[in-house]
Amino acid sequence: MDEPSRPWNRTVRAARRAGIALIGSTVVLAGLAMLVLPGPGLIVIPAGLAILGLEFAWARHWMKRAREHAESLTRTCRAGALPEIDRPGR
């Protein structure tokens, strides 16, 4: 008998997905609030995306892009050159 076809398995999977969405979203929103309030927002937001990435491909994609951007910025800073900021009207 095929295990995933049982109705209770689908219910458990849906509940797990909803729970991960709720917890991950809460952590991301708390991180966003910490960007303007005291707290480690830049650490909490990726943690929330990692939680969401357990179930959602879009969150894994955002985490990958954020990691690549952080690695690029780290390499640039270690090389001693800060990236130029493109400011409109200059």
C-alpha atoms as a PDB file:
ATOM      1  CA  MET A   1       0.000   0.000   0.000  1.00  0.00           C
ATOM      2  CA  ASP A   2       1.277   3.455  -0.891  1.00  0.00           C
ATOM      3  CA  GLU A   3       1.967   5.430   2.329  1.00  0.00           C
ATOM      4  CA  PRO A   4       1.650   9.019   0.951  1.00  0.00           C
ATOM      5  CA  SER A   5      -1.845   8.330  -0.399  1.00  0.00           C
ATOM      6  CA  ARG A   6      -3.338   7.937   3.058  1.00  0.00           C
ATOM      7  CA  PRO A   7      -5.535  10.920   3.968  1.00  0.00           C
ATOM      8  CA  TRP A   8      -3.955  11.437   7.399  1.00  0.00           C
ATOM      9  CA  ASN A   9      -0.498  11.688   5.787  1.00  0.00           C
ATOM     10  CA  ARG A  10      -1.744  14.510   3.584  1.00  0.00           C
ATOM     11  CA  THR A  11      -3.224  16.226   6.621  1.00  0.00           C
ATOM     12  CA  VAL A  12       0.027  15.889   8.555  1.00  0.00           C
ATOM     13  CA  ARG A  13       2.020  17.246   5.596  1.00  0.00           C
ATOM     14  CA  ALA A  14      -0.348  20.197   5.230  1.00  0.00           C
ATOM     15  CA  ALA A  15      -0.191  20.925   8.963  1.00  0.00           C
ATOM     16  CA  ARG A  16       3.619  20.738   8.903  1.00  0.00           C
ATOM     17  CA  ARG A  17       3.760  23.094   5.935  1.00  0.00           C
ATOM     18  CA  ALA A  18       1.380  25.545   7.627  1.00  0.00           C
ATOM     19  CA  GLY A  19       3.364  25.380  10.868  1.00  0.00           C
ATOM     20  CA  ILE A  20       6.641  26.055   9.096  1.00  0.00           C
ATOM     21  CA  ALA A  21       5.041  28.934   7.186  1.00  0.00           C
ATOM     22  CA  LEU A  22       3.698  30.451  10.399  1.00  0.00           C
ATOM     23  CA  ILE A  23       6.933  30.108  12.373  1.00  0.00           C
ATOM     24  CA  GLY A  24       9.192  31.188   9.505  1.00  0.00           C
ATOM     25  CA  SER A  25       7.036  34.190   8.661  1.00  0.00           C
ATOM     26  CA  THR A  26       6.957  35.248  12.298  1.00  0.00           C
ATOM     27  CA  VAL A  27      10.743  35.054  12.529  1.00  0.00           C
ATOM     28  CA  VAL A  28      11.199  37.040   9.297  1.00  0.00           C
ATOM     29  CA  LEU A  29       8.722  39.703  10.453  1.00  0.00           C
ATOM     30  CA  ALA A  30      10.492  39.921  13.823  1.00  0.00           C
ATOM     31  CA  GLY A  31      13.782  40.381  11.951  1.00  0.00           C
ATOM     32  CA  LEU A  32      12.294  43.134   9.821  1.00  0.00           C
ATOM     33  CA  ALA A  33      11.054  44.867  12.964  1.00  0.00           C
ATOM     34  CA  MET A  34      14.553  44.546  14.437  1.00  0.00           C
ATOM     35  CA  LEU A  35      15.949  46.556  11.548  1.00  0.00           C
ATOM     36  CA  VAL A  36      14.351  49.645  13.094  1.00  0.00           C
ATOM     37  CA  LEU A  37      14.108  48.426  16.694  1.00  0.00           C
ATOM     38  CA  PRO A  38      17.012  47.246  18.837  1.00  0.00           C
ATOM     39  CA  GLY A  39      17.999  43.712  17.906  1.00  0.00           C
ATOM     40  CA  PRO A  40      19.974  41.561  15.493  1.00  0.00           C
ATOM     41  CA  GLY A  41      17.655  41.919  12.487  1.00  0.00           C
ATOM     42  CA  LEU A  42      20.323  41.025   9.922  1.00  0.00           C
ATOM     43  CA  ILE A  43      20.827  37.702  11.687  1.00  0.00           C
ATOM     44  CA  VAL A  44      17.183  36.912  12.390  1.00  0.00           C
ATOM     45  CA  ILE A  45      15.911  37.465   8.820  1.00  0.00           C
ATOM     46  CA  PRO A  46      18.160  34.768   7.276  1.00  0.00           C
ATOM     47  CA  ALA A  47      17.189  32.432  10.118  1.00  0.00           C
ATOM     48  CA  GLY A  48      13.532  32.941   9.216  1.00  0.00           C
ATOM     49  CA  LEU A  49      14.270  32.355   5.540  1.00  0.00           C
ATOM     50  CA  ALA A  50      16.109  29.156   6.464  1.00  0.00           C
ATOM     51  CA  ILE A  51      13.031  27.976   8.356  1.00  0.00           C
ATOM     52  CA  LEU A  52      10.795  28.838   5.397  1.00  0.00           C
ATOM     53  CA  GLY A  53      13.292  27.136   3.082  1.00  0.00           C
ATOM     54  CA  LEU A  54      12.437  23.802   4.692  1.00  0.00           C
ATOM     55  CA  GLU A  55       9.196  23.818   2.707  1.00  0.00           C
ATOM     56  CA  PHE A  56       9.285  26.607   0.121  1.00  0.00           C
ATOM     57  CA  ALA A  57      11.577  26.838  -2.915  1.00  0.00           C
ATOM     58  CA  TRP A  58      11.252  30.642  -3.148  1.00  0.00           C
ATOM     59  CA  ALA A  59      12.722  30.999   0.350  1.00  0.00           C
ATOM     60  CA  ARG A  60      15.659  28.740  -0.574  1.00  0.00           C
ATOM     61  CA  HIS A  61      16.221  30.929  -3.647  1.00  0.00           C
ATOM     62  CA  TRP A  62      16.226  34.139  -1.538  1.00  0.00           C
ATOM     63  CA  MET A  63      18.618  32.525   0.949  1.00  0.00           C
ATOM     64  CA  LYS A  64      20.968  31.525  -1.863  1.00  0.00           C
ATOM     65  CA  ARG A  65      20.967  35.045  -3.333  1.00  0.00           C
ATOM     66  CA  ALA A  66      21.500  36.623   0.087  1.00  0.00           C
ATOM     67  CA  ARG A  67      24.404  34.252   0.793  1.00  0.00           C
ATOM     68  CA  GLU A  68      26.009  35.030  -2.586  1.00  0.00           C
ATOM     69  CA  HIS A  69      25.636  38.758  -1.979  1.00  0.00           C
ATOM     70  CA  ALA A  70      27.148  38.470   1.516  1.00  0.00           C
ATOM     71  CA  GLU A  71      30.090  36.437   0.196  1.00  0.00           C
ATOM     72  CA  SER A  72      30.701  38.990  -2.551  1.00  0.00           C
ATOM     73  CA  LEU A  73      30.598  41.855  -0.061  1.00  0.00           C
ATOM     74  CA  THR A  74      32.976  39.969   2.255  1.00  0.00           C
ATOM     75  CA  ARG A  75      35.473  39.404  -0.571  1.00  0.00           C
ATOM     76  CA  THR A  76      35.275  43.078  -1.550  1.00  0.00           C
ATOM     77  CA  CYS A  77      35.818  44.280   2.016  1.00  0.00           C
ATOM     78  CA  ARG A  78      38.736  41.899   2.564  1.00  0.00           C
ATOM     79  CA  ALA A  79      40.346  43.212  -0.595  1.00  0.00           C
ATOM     80  CA  GLY A  80      40.255  46.668   0.990  1.00  0.00           C
ATOM     81  CA  ALA A  81      37.906  48.283  -1.484  1.00  0.00           C
ATOM     82  CA  LEU A  82      34.381  49.219  -0.562  1.00  0.00           C
ATOM     83  CA  PRO A  83      31.760  48.989  -3.297  1.00  0.00           C
ATOM     84  CA  GLU A  84      30.703  52.252  -4.883  1.00  0.00           C
ATOM     85  CA  ILE A  85      27.155  53.324  -4.253  1.00  0.00           C
ATOM     86  CA  ASP A  86      25.371  54.423  -7.385  1.00  0.00           C
ATOM     87  CA  ARG A  87      23.572  57.613  -6.462  1.00  0.00           C
ATOM     88  CA  PRO A  88      21.100  59.115  -8.906  1.00  0.00           C
ATOM     89  CA  GLY A  89      21.802  62.661 -10.000  1.00  0.00           C
ATOM     90  CA  ARG A  90      25.586  62.506  -9.728  1.00  0.00           C
END
